All heavy atoms as atom14 arrays in JSON, in Angstrom:
{
  "sequence": "DDDKLQPTYIQEAISPKQTTYNDAIEMITMIDKQSKDKYRLKNK",
  "atom14_mask": [
    [1, 1, 1, 1, 1, 1, 1, 1, 0, 0, 0, 0, 0, 0],
    [1, 1, 1, 1, 1, 1, 1, 1, 0, 0, 0, 0, 0, 0],
    [1, 1, 1, 1, 1, 1, 1, 1, 0, 0, 0, 0, 0, 0],
    [1, 1, 1, 1, 1, 1, 1, 1, 1, 0, 0, 0, 0, 0],
    [1, 1, 1, 1, 1, 1, 1, 1, 0, 0, 0, 0, 0, 0],
    [1, 1, 1, 1, 1, 1, 1, 1, 1, 0, 0, 0, 0, 0],
    [1, 1, 1, 1, 1, 1, 1, 0, 0, 0, 0, 0, 0, 0],
    [1, 1, 1, 1, 1, 1, 1, 0, 0, 0, 0, 0, 0, 0],
    [1, 1, 1, 1, 1, 1, 1, 1, 1, 1, 1, 1, 0, 0],
    [1, 1, 1, 1, 1, 1, 1, 1, 0, 0, 0, 0, 0, 0],
    [1, 1, 1, 1, 1, 1, 1, 1, 1, 0, 0, 0, 0, 0],
    [1, 1, 1, 1, 1, 1, 1, 1, 1, 0, 0, 0, 0, 0],
    [1, 1, 1, 1, 1, 0, 0, 0, 0, 0, 0, 0, 0, 0],
    [1, 1, 1, 1, 1, 1, 1, 1, 0, 0, 0, 0, 0, 0],
    [1, 1, 1, 1, 1, 1, 0, 0, 0, 0, 0, 0, 0, 0],
    [1, 1, 1, 1, 1, 1, 1, 0, 0, 0, 0, 0, 0, 0],
    [1, 1, 1, 1, 1, 1, 1, 1, 1, 0, 0, 0, 0, 0],
    [1, 1, 1, 1, 1, 1, 1, 1, 1, 0, 0, 0, 0, 0],
    [1, 1, 1, 1, 1, 1, 1, 0, 0, 0, 0, 0, 0, 0],
    [1, 1, 1, 1, 1, 1, 1, 0, 0, 0, 0, 0, 0, 0],
    [1, 1, 1, 1, 1, 1, 1, 1, 1, 1, 1, 1, 0, 0],
    [1, 1, 1, 1, 1, 1, 1, 1, 0, 0, 0, 0, 0, 0],
    [1, 1, 1, 1, 1, 1, 1, 1, 0, 0, 0, 0, 0, 0],
    [1, 1, 1, 1, 1, 0, 0, 0, 0, 0, 0, 0, 0, 0],
    [1, 1, 1, 1, 1, 1, 1, 1, 0, 0, 0, 0, 0, 0],
    [1, 1, 1, 1, 1, 1, 1, 1, 1, 0, 0, 0, 0, 0],
    [1, 1, 1, 1, 1, 1, 1, 1, 0, 0, 0, 0, 0, 0],
    [1, 1, 1, 1, 1, 1, 1, 1, 0, 0, 0, 0, 0, 0],
    [1, 1, 1, 1, 1, 1, 1, 0, 0, 0, 0, 0, 0, 0],
    [1, 1, 1, 1, 1, 1, 1, 1, 0, 0, 0, 0, 0, 0],
    [1, 1, 1, 1, 1, 1, 1, 1, 0, 0, 0, 0, 0, 0],
    [1, 1, 1, 1, 1, 1, 1, 1, 0, 0, 0, 0, 0, 0],
    [1, 1, 1, 1, 1, 1, 1, 1, 1, 0, 0, 0, 0, 0],
    [1, 1, 1, 1, 1, 1, 1, 1, 1, 0, 0, 0, 0, 0],
    [1, 1, 1, 1, 1, 1, 0, 0, 0, 0, 0, 0, 0, 0],
    [1, 1, 1, 1, 1, 1, 1, 1, 1, 0, 0, 0, 0, 0],
    [1, 1, 1, 1, 1, 1, 1, 1, 0, 0, 0, 0, 0, 0],
    [1, 1, 1, 1, 1, 1, 1, 1, 1, 0, 0, 0, 0, 0],
    [1, 1, 1, 1, 1, 1, 1, 1, 1, 1, 1, 1, 0, 0],
    [1, 1, 1, 1, 1, 1, 1, 1, 1, 1, 1, 0, 0, 0],
    [1, 1, 1, 1, 1, 1, 1, 1, 0, 0, 0, 0, 0, 0],
    [1, 1, 1, 1, 1, 1, 1, 1, 1, 0, 0, 0, 0, 0],
    [1, 1, 1, 1, 1, 1, 1, 1, 0, 0, 0, 0, 0, 0],
    [1, 1, 1, 1, 1, 1, 1, 1, 1, 0, 0, 0, 0, 0]
  ],
  "atom14_positions": [
    [[0.88, -1.15, 0.05], [0.02, -0.01, -0.03], [0.89, 1.23, -0.04], [1.75, 1.38, 0.83], [-0.87, 0.02, 1.24], [-1.96, 1.09, 1.11], [-1.62, 2.27, 0.86], [-3.16, 0.78, 1.42], [0.0, 0.0, 0.0], [0.0, 0.0, 0.0], [0.0, 0.0, 0.0], [0.0, 0.0, 0.0], [0.0, 0.0, 0.0], [0.0, 0.0, 0.0]],
    [[0.67, 2.12, -0.94], [1.48, 3.35, -1.08], [1.51, 4.19, 0.27], [2.49, 4.72, 0.57], [1.05, 4.24, -2.25], [1.32, 3.61, -3.59], [2.2, 2.7, -3.64], [0.7, 4.04, -4.54], [0.0, 0.0, 0.0], [0.0, 0.0, 0.0], [0.0, 0.0, 0.0], [0.0, 0.0, 0.0], [0.0, 0.0, 0.0], [0.0, 0.0, 0.0]],
    [[0.36, 4.23, 0.83], [0.24, 5.03, 2.07], [1.0, 4.45, 3.26], [1.3, 5.11, 4.19], [-1.24, 5.28, 2.45], [-1.99, 6.1, 1.36], [-1.3, 6.91, 0.74], [-3.17, 5.86, 1.26], [0.0, 0.0, 0.0], [0.0, 0.0, 0.0], [0.0, 0.0, 0.0], [0.0, 0.0, 0.0], [0.0, 0.0, 0.0], [0.0, 0.0, 0.0]],
    [[1.13, 3.12, 3.15], [1.75, 2.42, 4.38], [3.14, 1.85, 4.03], [3.67, 1.19, 4.83], [0.84, 1.26, 4.8], [-0.6, 1.7, 5.19], [-1.44, 0.59, 5.52], [-2.82, 0.96, 5.94], [-3.68, -0.15, 6.23], [0.0, 0.0, 0.0], [0.0, 0.0, 0.0], [0.0, 0.0, 0.0], [0.0, 0.0, 0.0], [0.0, 0.0, 0.0]],
    [[3.63, 2.14, 2.78], [4.86, 1.55, 2.34], [6.09, 1.97, 3.26], [6.21, 3.07, 3.6], [5.17, 2.02, 0.93], [6.26, 1.34, 0.17], [5.88, -0.2, -0.04], [6.57, 1.93, -1.12], [0.0, 0.0, 0.0], [0.0, 0.0, 0.0], [0.0, 0.0, 0.0], [0.0, 0.0, 0.0], [0.0, 0.0, 0.0], [0.0, 0.0, 0.0]],
    [[6.79, 0.93, 3.56], [8.02, 1.15, 4.42], [9.22, 0.67, 3.66], [9.15, -0.28, 2.9], [7.89, 0.24, 5.76], [6.73, 0.67, 6.61], [6.57, -0.23, 7.75], [7.38, -1.06, 7.98], [5.55, 0.06, 8.55], [0.0, 0.0, 0.0], [0.0, 0.0, 0.0], [0.0, 0.0, 0.0], [0.0, 0.0, 0.0], [0.0, 0.0, 0.0]],
    [[10.37, 1.43, 3.74], [11.6, 1.09, 3.02], [12.24, -0.21, 3.6], [13.35, -0.13, 4.11], [12.46, 2.29, 3.17], [12.05, 2.9, 4.49], [10.61, 2.58, 4.62], [0.0, 0.0, 0.0], [0.0, 0.0, 0.0], [0.0, 0.0, 0.0], [0.0, 0.0, 0.0], [0.0, 0.0, 0.0], [0.0, 0.0, 0.0], [0.0, 0.0, 0.0]],
    [[11.53, -1.34, 3.49], [11.97, -2.57, 4.11], [13.34, -3.02, 3.61], [14.24, -3.38, 4.31], [10.99, -3.69, 3.98], [9.69, -3.16, 4.41], [11.36, -4.9, 4.83], [0.0, 0.0, 0.0], [0.0, 0.0, 0.0], [0.0, 0.0, 0.0], [0.0, 0.0, 0.0], [0.0, 0.0, 0.0], [0.0, 0.0, 0.0], [0.0, 0.0, 0.0]],
    [[13.47, -3.08, 2.22], [14.66, -3.57, 1.61], [15.85, -2.72, 1.9], [16.97, -3.14, 2.09], [14.49, -3.79, 0.09], [13.53, -4.89, -0.18], [12.26, -4.6, -0.72], [13.78, -6.23, 0.13], [11.33, -5.65, -0.97], [12.89, -7.29, -0.12], [11.7, -6.93, -0.69], [10.77, -7.9, -0.96], [0.0, 0.0, 0.0], [0.0, 0.0, 0.0]],
    [[15.63, -1.31, 1.87], [16.78, -0.44, 2.2], [17.22, -0.65, 3.57], [18.43, -0.69, 3.84], [16.28, 1.05, 1.94], [15.84, 1.29, 0.49], [17.36, 1.99, 2.39], [15.23, 2.56, 0.27], [0.0, 0.0, 0.0], [0.0, 0.0, 0.0], [0.0, 0.0, 0.0], [0.0, 0.0, 0.0], [0.0, 0.0, 0.0], [0.0, 0.0, 0.0]],
    [[16.3, -0.77, 4.48], [16.66, -0.97, 5.91], [17.4, -2.21, 6.08], [18.45, -2.32, 6.76], [15.4, -1.11, 6.76], [14.8, 0.24, 7.06], [13.64, 0.17, 8.07], [13.14, -0.95, 8.32], [13.24, 1.26, 8.62], [0.0, 0.0, 0.0], [0.0, 0.0, 0.0], [0.0, 0.0, 0.0], [0.0, 0.0, 0.0], [0.0, 0.0, 0.0]],
    [[17.01, -3.35, 5.42], [17.7, -4.58, 5.51], [19.13, -4.55, 4.83], [20.0, -5.14, 5.39], [16.91, -5.71, 4.83], [15.65, -6.07, 5.56], [14.8, -7.18, 4.94], [15.11, -7.41, 3.71], [13.85, -7.69, 5.5], [0.0, 0.0, 0.0], [0.0, 0.0, 0.0], [0.0, 0.0, 0.0], [0.0, 0.0, 0.0], [0.0, 0.0, 0.0]],
    [[19.27, -3.73, 3.78], [20.53, -3.66, 3.18], [21.53, -2.93, 4.13], [22.72, -3.29, 4.16], [20.42, -2.89, 1.88], [0.0, 0.0, 0.0], [0.0, 0.0, 0.0], [0.0, 0.0, 0.0], [0.0, 0.0, 0.0], [0.0, 0.0, 0.0], [0.0, 0.0, 0.0], [0.0, 0.0, 0.0], [0.0, 0.0, 0.0], [0.0, 0.0, 0.0]],
    [[20.98, -1.98, 4.82], [21.87, -1.2, 5.73], [22.1, -2.04, 6.99], [23.22, -2.12, 7.47], [21.28, 0.17, 6.12], [21.1, 0.97, 4.75], [22.11, 0.97, 7.06], [20.37, 2.25, 4.93], [0.0, 0.0, 0.0], [0.0, 0.0, 0.0], [0.0, 0.0, 0.0], [0.0, 0.0, 0.0], [0.0, 0.0, 0.0], [0.0, 0.0, 0.0]],
    [[21.04, -2.46, 7.6], [21.16, -3.17, 8.81], [20.15, -4.34, 8.9], [18.95, -4.08, 9.23], [20.85, -2.23, 10.06], [20.91, -2.93, 11.27], [0.0, 0.0, 0.0], [0.0, 0.0, 0.0], [0.0, 0.0, 0.0], [0.0, 0.0, 0.0], [0.0, 0.0, 0.0], [0.0, 0.0, 0.0], [0.0, 0.0, 0.0], [0.0, 0.0, 0.0]],
    [[20.53, -5.54, 8.39], [19.58, -6.62, 8.33], [18.89, -6.87, 9.66], [19.55, -6.95, 10.75], [20.52, -7.83, 7.98], [21.7, -7.24, 7.4], [21.93, -5.9, 8.07], [0.0, 0.0, 0.0], [0.0, 0.0, 0.0], [0.0, 0.0, 0.0], [0.0, 0.0, 0.0], [0.0, 0.0, 0.0], [0.0, 0.0, 0.0], [0.0, 0.0, 0.0]],
    [[17.58, -7.06, 9.58], [16.79, -7.24, 10.84], [15.7, -8.32, 10.53], [14.94, -8.09, 9.6], [16.2, -5.97, 11.26], [15.38, -6.09, 12.61], [14.77, -4.81, 12.97], [13.95, -4.89, 14.21], [13.21, -3.69, 14.61], [0.0, 0.0, 0.0], [0.0, 0.0, 0.0], [0.0, 0.0, 0.0], [0.0, 0.0, 0.0], [0.0, 0.0, 0.0]],
    [[15.69, -9.37, 11.39], [14.6, -10.34, 11.24], [13.41, -10.03, 12.11], [13.53, -9.48, 13.16], [15.18, -11.74, 11.72], [14.28, -12.91, 11.42], [14.89, -14.14, 11.87], [15.67, -14.16, 12.81], [14.53, -15.29, 11.18], [0.0, 0.0, 0.0], [0.0, 0.0, 0.0], [0.0, 0.0, 0.0], [0.0, 0.0, 0.0], [0.0, 0.0, 0.0]],
    [[12.23, -10.24, 11.53], [10.99, -10.0, 12.22], [10.93, -10.97, 13.46], [11.04, -12.13, 13.29], [9.79, -10.23, 11.39], [9.88, -9.34, 10.28], [8.51, -9.84, 12.17], [0.0, 0.0, 0.0], [0.0, 0.0, 0.0], [0.0, 0.0, 0.0], [0.0, 0.0, 0.0], [0.0, 0.0, 0.0], [0.0, 0.0, 0.0], [0.0, 0.0, 0.0]],
    [[10.78, -10.39, 14.62], [10.83, -11.2, 15.86], [9.42, -11.4, 16.34], [8.39, -10.71, 15.9], [11.61, -10.54, 17.06], [10.98, -9.36, 17.39], [13.04, -10.25, 16.54], [0.0, 0.0, 0.0], [0.0, 0.0, 0.0], [0.0, 0.0, 0.0], [0.0, 0.0, 0.0], [0.0, 0.0, 0.0], [0.0, 0.0, 0.0], [0.0, 0.0, 0.0]],
    [[9.22, -12.3, 17.35], [7.88, -12.56, 17.89], [7.34, -11.31, 18.58], [6.18, -10.95, 18.54], [8.01, -13.68, 18.92], [6.67, -13.99, 19.65], [5.76, -14.78, 19.02], [6.44, -13.53, 20.93], [4.55, -15.02, 19.58], [5.24, -13.72, 21.57], [4.29, -14.57, 20.89], [3.16, -14.82, 21.56], [0.0, 0.0, 0.0], [0.0, 0.0, 0.0]],
    [[8.28, -10.52, 19.26], [7.91, -9.33, 19.87], [7.38, -8.27, 18.97], [6.41, -7.53, 19.26], [9.08, -8.74, 20.77], [9.28, -9.43, 22.11], [8.35, -10.08, 22.58], [10.41, -9.34, 22.6], [0.0, 0.0, 0.0], [0.0, 0.0, 0.0], [0.0, 0.0, 0.0], [0.0, 0.0, 0.0], [0.0, 0.0, 0.0], [0.0, 0.0, 0.0]],
    [[8.03, -8.13, 17.74], [7.58, -7.28, 16.75], [6.11, -7.55, 16.37], [5.28, -6.76, 16.19], [8.46, -7.33, 15.5], [9.86, -6.82, 15.8], [10.01, -6.01, 16.67], [10.81, -7.36, 15.05], [0.0, 0.0, 0.0], [0.0, 0.0, 0.0], [0.0, 0.0, 0.0], [0.0, 0.0, 0.0], [0.0, 0.0, 0.0], [0.0, 0.0, 0.0]],
    [[5.89, -8.88, 16.13], [4.6, -9.33, 15.74], [3.53, -9.06, 16.78], [2.44, -8.6, 16.47], [4.59, -10.85, 15.46], [0.0, 0.0, 0.0], [0.0, 0.0, 0.0], [0.0, 0.0, 0.0], [0.0, 0.0, 0.0], [0.0, 0.0, 0.0], [0.0, 0.0, 0.0], [0.0, 0.0, 0.0], [0.0, 0.0, 0.0], [0.0, 0.0, 0.0]],
    [[3.9, -9.35, 17.98], [2.9, -9.15, 19.09], [2.55, -7.65, 19.28], [1.46, -7.33, 19.55], [3.53, -9.75, 20.43], [3.53, -11.22, 20.41], [2.7, -9.23, 21.59], [2.08, -11.82, 20.35], [0.0, 0.0, 0.0], [0.0, 0.0, 0.0], [0.0, 0.0, 0.0], [0.0, 0.0, 0.0], [0.0, 0.0, 0.0], [0.0, 0.0, 0.0]],
    [[3.59, -6.76, 19.09], [3.36, -5.33, 19.29], [2.36, -4.85, 18.2], [1.44, -4.05, 18.42], [4.62, -4.56, 19.11], [5.47, -4.72, 20.47], [6.87, -4.01, 20.31], [7.11, -3.43, 19.28], [7.66, -4.21, 21.22], [0.0, 0.0, 0.0], [0.0, 0.0, 0.0], [0.0, 0.0, 0.0], [0.0, 0.0, 0.0], [0.0, 0.0, 0.0]],
    [[2.49, -5.42, 16.94], [1.6, -5.03, 15.88], [0.22, -5.57, 16.14], [-0.84, -4.98, 15.91], [2.18, -5.55, 14.57], [3.46, -4.8, 14.13], [4.01, -5.43, 12.51], [5.51, -4.54, 12.32], [0.0, 0.0, 0.0], [0.0, 0.0, 0.0], [0.0, 0.0, 0.0], [0.0, 0.0, 0.0], [0.0, 0.0, 0.0], [0.0, 0.0, 0.0]],
    [[0.1, -6.81, 16.6], [-1.19, -7.48, 16.96], [-1.84, -6.67, 17.99], [-3.03, -6.43, 17.99], [-0.9, -8.96, 17.41], [-0.52, -9.76, 16.17], [-2.26, -9.53, 17.97], [0.02, -11.17, 16.62], [0.0, 0.0, 0.0], [0.0, 0.0, 0.0], [0.0, 0.0, 0.0], [0.0, 0.0, 0.0], [0.0, 0.0, 0.0], [0.0, 0.0, 0.0]],
    [[-1.07, -6.26, 18.99], [-1.62, -5.45, 20.08], [-2.3, -4.17, 19.54], [-3.32, -3.82, 20.0], [-0.53, -5.04, 21.1], [0.08, -6.23, 21.58], [-1.08, -4.31, 22.33], [0.0, 0.0, 0.0], [0.0, 0.0, 0.0], [0.0, 0.0, 0.0], [0.0, 0.0, 0.0], [0.0, 0.0, 0.0], [0.0, 0.0, 0.0], [0.0, 0.0, 0.0]],
    [[-1.58, -3.59, 18.64], [-2.09, -2.28, 18.06], [-3.38, -2.57, 17.37], [-4.36, -1.8, 17.46], [-1.03, -1.63, 17.12], [-1.53, -0.37, 16.56], [-0.19, 0.37, 15.56], [-0.15, -0.72, 14.2], [0.0, 0.0, 0.0], [0.0, 0.0, 0.0], [0.0, 0.0, 0.0], [0.0, 0.0, 0.0], [0.0, 0.0, 0.0], [0.0, 0.0, 0.0]],
    [[-3.4, -3.63, 16.53], [-4.61, -3.97, 15.76], [-5.79, -4.31, 16.64], [-6.92, -3.83, 16.49], [-4.31, -5.17, 14.78], [-3.29, -4.75, 13.72], [-5.58, -5.67, 14.11], [-2.79, -5.89, 12.95], [0.0, 0.0, 0.0], [0.0, 0.0, 0.0], [0.0, 0.0, 0.0], [0.0, 0.0, 0.0], [0.0, 0.0, 0.0], [0.0, 0.0, 0.0]],
    [[-5.48, -5.17, 17.7], [-6.48, -5.57, 18.62], [-7.14, -4.35, 19.34], [-8.26, -4.23, 19.52], [-5.86, -6.5, 19.65], [-6.94, -7.03, 20.6], [-7.9, -7.66, 20.19], [-6.8, -6.75, 21.81], [0.0, 0.0, 0.0], [0.0, 0.0, 0.0], [0.0, 0.0, 0.0], [0.0, 0.0, 0.0], [0.0, 0.0, 0.0], [0.0, 0.0, 0.0]],
    [[-6.18, -3.4, 19.76], [-6.61, -2.18, 20.48], [-7.58, -1.36, 19.59], [-8.6, -0.91, 20.02], [-5.42, -1.46, 20.93], [-5.78, -0.26, 21.85], [-4.57, 0.4, 22.41], [-4.89, 1.55, 23.39], [-5.8, 2.56, 22.82], [0.0, 0.0, 0.0], [0.0, 0.0, 0.0], [0.0, 0.0, 0.0], [0.0, 0.0, 0.0], [0.0, 0.0, 0.0]],
    [[-7.08, -1.19, 18.32], [-7.85, -0.37, 17.44], [-9.2, -0.94, 17.17], [-10.21, -0.29, 17.11], [-7.11, -0.16, 16.12], [-5.93, 0.73, 16.26], [-5.0, 0.76, 15.01], [-5.26, -0.05, 14.09], [-4.07, 1.63, 14.9], [0.0, 0.0, 0.0], [0.0, 0.0, 0.0], [0.0, 0.0, 0.0], [0.0, 0.0, 0.0], [0.0, 0.0, 0.0]],
    [[-9.29, -2.33, 17.03], [-10.57, -2.96, 16.65], [-11.5, -2.96, 17.86], [-12.79, -3.03, 17.66], [-10.31, -4.38, 16.31], [-9.84, -5.1, 17.38], [0.0, 0.0, 0.0], [0.0, 0.0, 0.0], [0.0, 0.0, 0.0], [0.0, 0.0, 0.0], [0.0, 0.0, 0.0], [0.0, 0.0, 0.0], [0.0, 0.0, 0.0], [0.0, 0.0, 0.0]],
    [[-11.01, -2.83, 19.07], [-11.92, -2.85, 20.26], [-12.07, -1.51, 20.96], [-12.83, -1.41, 21.88], [-11.39, -3.86, 21.23], [-11.5, -5.33, 20.78], [-11.07, -6.37, 21.83], [-11.33, -7.76, 21.3], [-10.92, -8.76, 22.39], [0.0, 0.0, 0.0], [0.0, 0.0, 0.0], [0.0, 0.0, 0.0], [0.0, 0.0, 0.0], [0.0, 0.0, 0.0]],
    [[-11.32, -0.52, 20.54], [-11.37, 0.82, 21.21], [-12.81, 1.39, 21.18], [-13.26, 2.0, 22.16], [-10.43, 1.81, 20.54], [-9.07, 1.79, 21.15], [-8.87, 1.02, 22.18], [-8.14, 2.38, 20.67], [0.0, 0.0, 0.0], [0.0, 0.0, 0.0], [0.0, 0.0, 0.0], [0.0, 0.0, 0.0], [0.0, 0.0, 0.0], [0.0, 0.0, 0.0]],
    [[-13.6, 1.15, 20.16], [-14.91, 1.66, 19.99], [-15.85, 1.05, 21.09], [-16.95, 1.63, 21.4], [-15.56, 1.39, 18.64], [-15.65, -0.09, 18.29], [-16.31, -0.32, 16.93], [-17.82, -0.18, 16.98], [-18.52, -0.54, 15.69], [0.0, 0.0, 0.0], [0.0, 0.0, 0.0], [0.0, 0.0, 0.0], [0.0, 0.0, 0.0], [0.0, 0.0, 0.0]],
    [[-15.45, -0.11, 21.73], [-16.25, -0.75, 22.71], [-15.79, -0.32, 24.16], [-16.28, -0.89, 25.07], [-16.18, -2.23, 22.58], [-16.72, -2.76, 21.25], [-15.81, -3.26, 20.28], [-18.02, -2.7, 20.89], [-16.19, -3.72, 19.03], [-18.49, -3.11, 19.64], [-17.55, -3.61, 18.75], [-17.98, -4.1, 17.49], [0.0, 0.0, 0.0], [0.0, 0.0, 0.0]],
    [[-14.8, 0.52, 24.17], [-14.24, 0.86, 25.5], [-14.51, 2.37, 25.87], [-13.77, 2.98, 26.6], [-12.78, 0.63, 25.53], [-12.38, -0.86, 25.47], [-10.89, -1.07, 25.8], [-10.58, -2.53, 25.83], [-10.02, -3.15, 24.86], [-9.7, -2.49, 23.68], [-9.71, -4.41, 24.91], [0.0, 0.0, 0.0], [0.0, 0.0, 0.0], [0.0, 0.0, 0.0]],
    [[-15.5, 3.0, 25.3], [-15.8, 4.32, 25.59], [-16.36, 4.48, 26.99], [-16.3, 5.54, 27.63], [-16.81, 4.87, 24.51], [-16.32, 4.9, 23.02], [-17.43, 5.41, 22.16], [-15.08, 5.77, 22.97], [0.0, 0.0, 0.0], [0.0, 0.0, 0.0], [0.0, 0.0, 0.0], [0.0, 0.0, 0.0], [0.0, 0.0, 0.0], [0.0, 0.0, 0.0]],
    [[-16.96, 3.35, 27.51], [-17.51, 3.34, 28.84], [-17.11, 2.05, 29.45], [-17.25, 1.02, 28.86], [-19.07, 3.53, 28.8], [-19.54, 4.82, 28.3], [-21.09, 4.89, 28.27], [-21.58, 6.18, 27.55], [-23.03, 6.22, 27.47], [0.0, 0.0, 0.0], [0.0, 0.0, 0.0], [0.0, 0.0, 0.0], [0.0, 0.0, 0.0], [0.0, 0.0, 0.0]],
    [[-16.69, 2.1, 30.75], [-16.37, 0.9, 31.48], [-17.71, 0.16, 31.83], [-18.8, 0.75, 31.77], [-15.41, 1.06, 32.6], [-16.03, 1.92, 33.67], [-17.22, 1.88, 33.95], [-15.22, 2.8, 34.32], [0.0, 0.0, 0.0], [0.0, 0.0, 0.0], [0.0, 0.0, 0.0], [0.0, 0.0, 0.0], [0.0, 0.0, 0.0], [0.0, 0.0, 0.0]],
    [[-17.6, -1.05, 32.39], [-18.82, -1.8, 32.59], [-19.68, -1.18, 33.75], [-20.92, -1.32, 33.71], [-18.46, -3.28, 32.98], [-17.63, -3.51, 34.24], [-17.31, -4.97, 34.34], [-16.6, -5.28, 35.65], [-16.21, -6.76, 35.8], [0.0, 0.0, 0.0], [0.0, 0.0, 0.0], [0.0, 0.0, 0.0], [0.0, 0.0, 0.0], [0.0, 0.0, 0.0]]
  ]
}
């Protein structure tokens, strides 16, 4: 996606970096939070 494009190959050429479990979890956390934020406007 042009709006979300990241210079992944340039970064890897300069400083190779493997995607870790923590990276994945942080992204999942962000997605999960965004998907459920609309249901957290009021606590129970």
